[in-house]
Protein backbone atom coordinates (compact mmCIF):
# COMPACT_ATOMS: atom_id res chain seq x y z
CA UNK A 1 -0.01 -0.15 0.03
CA UNK A 2 2.81 2.54 0.74
CA UNK A 3 4.70 1.73 -2.38
CA UNK A 4 1.38 2.25 -4.51
CA UNK A 5 0.72 5.61 -2.64
CA UNK A 6 4.46 6.71 -3.08
CA UNK A 7 4.34 5.83 -6.74
CA UNK A 8 1.19 7.78 -6.99
CA UNK A 9 2.11 10.76 -5.29
CA UNK A 10 5.47 10.83 -7.07
CA UNK A 11 3.52 10.98 -10.44
CA UNK A 12 1.65 13.92 -8.97
CA UNK A 13 4.75 15.67 -8.23
CA UNK A 14 6.20 14.84 -11.47
CA UNK A 15 3.36 16.75 -13.34
CA UNK A 16 4.82 19.85 -11.72
CA UNK A 17 8.51 19.08 -11.27
CA UNK A 18 11.23 17.61 -13.56
CA UNK A 19 13.61 16.04 -11.03
CA UNK A 20 17.27 15.48 -12.00
CA UNK A 21 19.50 13.12 -9.58
CA UNK A 22 23.00 13.55 -9.36
CA UNK A 23 25.31 11.41 -7.47
CA UNK A 24 22.94 8.29 -7.33
CA UNK A 25 25.82 6.22 -6.85
CA UNK A 26 26.15 7.38 -3.36
CA UNK A 27 22.87 5.88 -2.47
CA UNK A 28 23.50 2.45 -3.97
CA UNK A 29 25.85 1.55 -0.97
CA UNK A 30 24.38 -1.02 1.84
CA UNK A 31 25.45 1.21 4.61
CA UNK A 32 23.10 3.38 6.59
CA UNK A 33 23.21 6.86 5.84
CA UNK A 34 22.53 10.34 7.56
CA UNK A 35 21.29 12.60 4.88
CA UNK A 36 21.60 16.36 5.12
CA UNK A 37 19.83 18.42 2.36
CA UNK A 38 19.36 22.25 2.52
CA UNK A 39 16.12 23.73 2.78
CA UNK A 40 14.72 26.06 0.12
CA UNK A 41 11.01 25.34 0.25
CA UNK A 42 8.38 23.53 2.07
CA UNK A 43 8.13 20.88 -0.78
CA UNK A 44 11.73 19.79 -0.34
CA UNK A 45 10.75 17.28 2.23
CA UNK A 46 8.22 15.54 0.06
CA UNK A 47 10.14 15.53 -3.19
CA UNK A 48 13.45 14.13 -1.49
CA UNK A 49 11.28 11.59 0.55
CA UNK A 50 9.76 10.20 -2.24
CA UNK A 51 12.85 9.84 -4.42
CA UNK A 52 15.05 8.79 -1.51
CA UNK A 53 12.77 6.00 -0.72
CA UNK A 54 13.62 4.24 -3.82
CA UNK A 55 17.10 3.55 -2.50
CA UNK A 56 16.91 3.26 1.16
CA UNK A 57 14.51 2.59 4.12
CA UNK A 58 14.89 5.89 6.13
CA UNK A 59 13.44 7.80 9.09
CA UNK A 60 12.71 11.49 8.59
CA UNK A 61 12.91 14.09 11.19
CA UNK A 62 9.77 16.34 10.56
CA UNK A 63 8.26 19.26 12.05
CA UNK A 64 4.92 18.47 14.20
CA UNK A 65 2.96 20.42 11.61
CA UNK A 66 3.10 18.24 8.84
CA UNK A 67 1.53 15.26 10.91
CA UNK A 68 -1.59 17.34 10.75
CA UNK A 69 -1.95 16.90 6.64
CA UNK A 70 -4.03 13.63 6.15
CA UNK A 71 -2.14 11.94 3.32
CA UNK A 72 1.25 13.15 4.48
CA UNK A 73 0.47 12.01 7.94
CA UNK A 74 0.05 8.60 6.56
CA UNK A 75 3.37 8.38 4.94
CA UNK A 76 5.15 9.85 8.08
CA UNK A 77 3.76 7.28 10.40
CA UNK A 78 4.77 4.44 7.85
CA UNK A 79 8.28 5.95 8.00
CA UNK A 80 8.32 5.93 11.54
CA UNK A 81 8.93 9.68 11.37
CA UNK A 82 10.56 11.54 14.43
CA UNK A 83 8.19 14.51 15.27
CA UNK A 84 9.88 17.70 16.31
CA UNK A 85 7.78 20.29 18.28
CA UNK A 86 8.14 24.03 18.89
CA UNK A 87 10.06 23.45 21.74
CA UNK A 88 13.35 24.22 20.03
CA UNK A 89 15.41 24.48 23.26
CA UNK A 90 14.14 21.60 25.27
CA UNK A 91 17.07 19.31 25.96
CA UNK A 92 14.68 16.39 26.77
CA UNK A 93 13.15 16.86 23.25
CA UNK A 94 16.78 17.01 21.58
CA UNK A 95 17.78 13.74 23.30
CA UNK A 96 14.71 11.87 22.54
CA UNK A 97 15.10 12.78 18.74
CA UNK A 98 18.72 11.70 19.02
CA UNK A 99 17.84 8.26 20.65
CA UNK A 100 15.16 7.74 17.91
CA UNK A 101 17.62 8.42 14.97
CA UNK A 102 20.50 6.55 16.47
CA UNK A 103 18.15 3.55 17.21
CA UNK A 104 16.93 3.42 13.63
CA UNK A 105 20.48 3.87 12.11
CA UNK A 106 21.68 1.08 14.21
CA UNK A 107 18.81 -1.23 12.79
CA UNK A 108 20.26 -0.63 9.41
CA UNK A 109 17.72 2.41 8.42
CA UNK A 110 19.10 5.83 7.32
CA UNK A 111 18.03 9.17 8.56
CA UNK A 112 16.89 12.40 6.84
CA UNK A 113 17.10 15.80 8.61
CA UNK A 114 17.54 19.34 7.42
CA UNK A 115 20.36 20.94 9.59
CA UNK A 116 19.11 24.47 9.14
CA UNK A 117 15.61 23.70 10.50
CA UNK A 118 13.90 26.63 8.52
CA UNK A 119 13.71 27.82 5.20
CA UNK A 120 16.38 29.97 3.46
CA UNK A 121 14.99 33.42 3.08
CA UNK A 122 17.61 34.74 0.13
CA UNK A 123 18.79 31.68 -1.49
CA UNK A 124 21.76 31.07 0.81
CA UNK A 125 21.73 28.39 3.49
CA UNK A 126 22.59 29.04 7.10
CA UNK A 127 22.84 26.51 9.94
CA UNK A 128 24.17 29.11 12.42
CA UNK A 129 24.27 27.59 15.83
CA UNK A 130 21.83 24.81 15.19
CA UNK A 131 22.86 21.67 17.25
CA UNK A 132 20.29 19.05 15.66
CA UNK A 133 22.47 17.64 12.66
CA UNK A 134 25.76 17.97 14.81
CA UNK A 135 24.64 15.96 17.75
CA UNK A 136 23.14 13.01 15.89
CA UNK A 137 26.40 13.16 13.79
CA UNK A 138 28.46 13.16 16.72
CA UNK A 139 26.86 9.62 17.77
CA UNK A 140 26.73 7.75 14.47
CA UNK A 141 28.07 4.35 14.21
CA UNK A 142 31.16 4.01 12.52
CA UNK A 143 29.63 2.40 9.38
CA UNK A 144 27.30 5.33 8.74
CA UNK A 145 27.85 7.29 5.88
CA UNK A 146 27.12 11.09 5.75
CA UNK A 147 25.57 12.26 2.57
CA UNK A 148 25.03 16.04 2.03
CA UNK A 149 22.43 17.00 -0.50
CA UNK A 150 22.09 20.06 -2.62
CA UNK A 151 18.71 20.98 -3.76
CA UNK A 152 18.35 23.56 -6.43
CA UNK A 153 15.65 25.02 -8.70
CA UNK A 154 13.04 25.37 -5.99
CA UNK A 155 13.53 28.89 -4.63
CA UNK A 156 11.14 31.15 -6.52
CA UNK A 157 8.33 28.45 -6.27
CA UNK A 158 5.06 29.32 -4.07
CA UNK A 159 6.88 26.97 -1.33
CA UNK A 160 9.59 29.49 -0.92
CA UNK A 161 10.16 32.57 0.76
CA UNK A 162 11.03 34.39 -2.57
CA UNK A 163 7.66 35.61 -3.36
CA UNK A 164 7.01 38.10 -0.54
CA UNK A 165 10.00 37.34 1.81
CA UNK A 166 7.68 35.17 4.12
CA UNK A 167 7.57 31.86 5.05
CA UNK A 168 4.36 30.51 3.26
CA UNK A 169 1.93 28.65 5.34
CA UNK A 170 1.89 24.98 4.47
CA UNK A 171 -1.85 23.84 4.69
CA UNK A 172 -2.93 26.99 2.54
CA UNK A 173 -0.23 26.34 0.19
CA UNK A 174 -0.83 22.59 -0.16
CA UNK A 175 -4.49 23.25 -0.80
CA UNK A 176 -3.42 25.87 -3.53
CA UNK A 177 -1.17 23.42 -5.09
CA UNK A 178 -4.31 20.91 -5.34
CA UNK A 179 -6.24 23.57 -7.30
CA UNK A 180 -3.48 24.54 -9.64
CA UNK A 181 -3.16 20.83 -10.38
CA UNK A 182 -6.67 20.30 -11.46
CA UNK A 183 -6.82 24.00 -12.81
CA UNK A 184 -4.05 22.82 -15.31
CA UNK A 185 -6.22 19.72 -16.48
CA UNK A 186 -3.71 17.62 -14.85
CA UNK A 187 -1.41 17.25 -17.78
CA UNK A 188 -0.61 20.95 -18.66
CA UNK A 189 1.00 21.80 -15.31
CA UNK A 190 3.86 24.09 -16.07
CA UNK A 191 7.05 22.31 -15.13
CA UNK A 192 9.57 23.32 -12.96
CA UNK A 193 13.28 21.63 -13.14
CA UNK A 194 15.14 20.72 -9.95
CA UNK A 195 18.15 19.00 -9.15
CA UNK A 196 19.20 16.81 -6.05
CA UNK A 197 22.54 16.53 -5.84
CA UNK A 198 23.78 13.75 -3.63
CA UNK A 199 27.52 13.65 -2.23
CA UNK A 200 29.40 11.50 0.27
CA UNK A 201 30.67 14.16 2.75
CA UNK A 202 31.51 11.47 5.26
CA UNK A 203 35.40 11.92 5.70
CA UNK A 204 35.19 15.80 6.03
CA UNK A 205 32.06 16.18 7.97
CA UNK A 206 33.36 13.36 10.57
CA UNK A 207 36.48 15.60 10.93
CA UNK A 208 34.73 18.48 11.47
CA UNK A 209 32.14 16.86 14.02
CA UNK A 210 35.88 16.08 16.04
CA UNK A 211 36.63 19.69 15.98
CA UNK A 212 33.15 21.13 17.29
CA UNK A 213 29.57 22.08 16.44
CA UNK A 214 30.81 25.26 14.80
CA UNK A 215 33.07 23.80 12.50
CA UNK A 216 30.74 21.25 11.49
CA UNK A 217 27.87 23.74 10.93
CA UNK A 218 30.46 26.06 8.94
CA UNK A 219 31.47 23.16 6.78
CA UNK A 220 27.84 22.18 5.93
CA UNK A 221 27.22 26.02 4.92
CA UNK A 222 30.22 25.79 2.49
CA UNK A 223 28.95 22.80 0.98
CA UNK A 224 25.47 23.92 0.43
CA UNK A 225 26.35 27.33 -0.70
CA UNK A 226 29.24 26.08 -2.96
CA UNK A 227 27.45 27.47 -5.99
CA UNK A 228 26.56 30.71 -4.63
CA UNK A 229 23.31 32.26 -3.63
CA UNK A 230 20.70 30.44 -5.51
CA UNK A 231 18.86 32.66 -8.09
CA UNK A 232 15.09 32.77 -7.78
CA UNK A 233 13.01 31.14 -10.65
CA UNK A 234 9.55 32.17 -11.23
CA UNK A 235 7.14 29.77 -13.18
CA UNK A 236 3.69 30.43 -13.86
CA UNK A 237 1.19 28.61 -11.96
CA UNK A 238 -1.32 28.17 -14.92
CA UNK A 239 -0.41 27.18 -18.38
CA UNK A 240 -2.45 29.87 -19.92
CA UNK A 241 -1.30 32.46 -17.98
CA UNK A 242 1.65 34.85 -19.23
CA UNK A 243 5.11 34.08 -18.13
CA UNK A 244 6.06 35.60 -14.36
CA UNK A 245 7.98 38.61 -13.74
CA UNK A 246 8.82 39.11 -10.10
CA UNK A 247 11.35 40.32 -7.73
CA UNK A 248 12.50 38.80 -4.58
CA UNK A 249 11.47 40.55 -1.66
CA UNK A 250 14.55 40.78 0.93
CA UNK A 251 13.94 40.04 4.37
């Protein structure tokens, strides 16, 4: 049932997004992986999860708000997703998340977590002093690989902050996406090209972990921003509308 729904959801996403996968060989190894992507839009987790599941069984770390969306809630429960509440500085919460993730990795599963924990507001990924990814990386079993993911092409989508400088409300944007899907008669949705680039950063990341949290976070920022600030790309939502001209609103 889960595989059927995954393929169905992938088909829906494919009507809007042309996904290019780079570094596929990194995902073909048998070792459990800690997967660390940058965070450009609210649709990042949906897209990367749909494709990542083709290569490895994984546990995602997800904000509690996503558990309120019926379809997504079903996927998250099936994946044994780890729920993150708004208590960002709760030590007990951090310890619980770490325990769940490390236990899953010891059982051979991979883990997916967004180090920044929030959307980029200008096309640049900033980890700052966040401790979630570092704390998990600091406890990884020796055999675990660390995989960095550069997601590009989504800054400028309605799921990003590029439209008005504000974080889009997830549920209303999700409903709007459904409206656009049918308003485009399903098969005529204007498509956005995005790239998921998977890179094995195990050696460098583990060296930075031994140095400390800030060194690790700085390394991730350099990795994510290697190609410079991402340029916003605006694509019309309806095939019969003219091309969109819009400027990024700076925060």
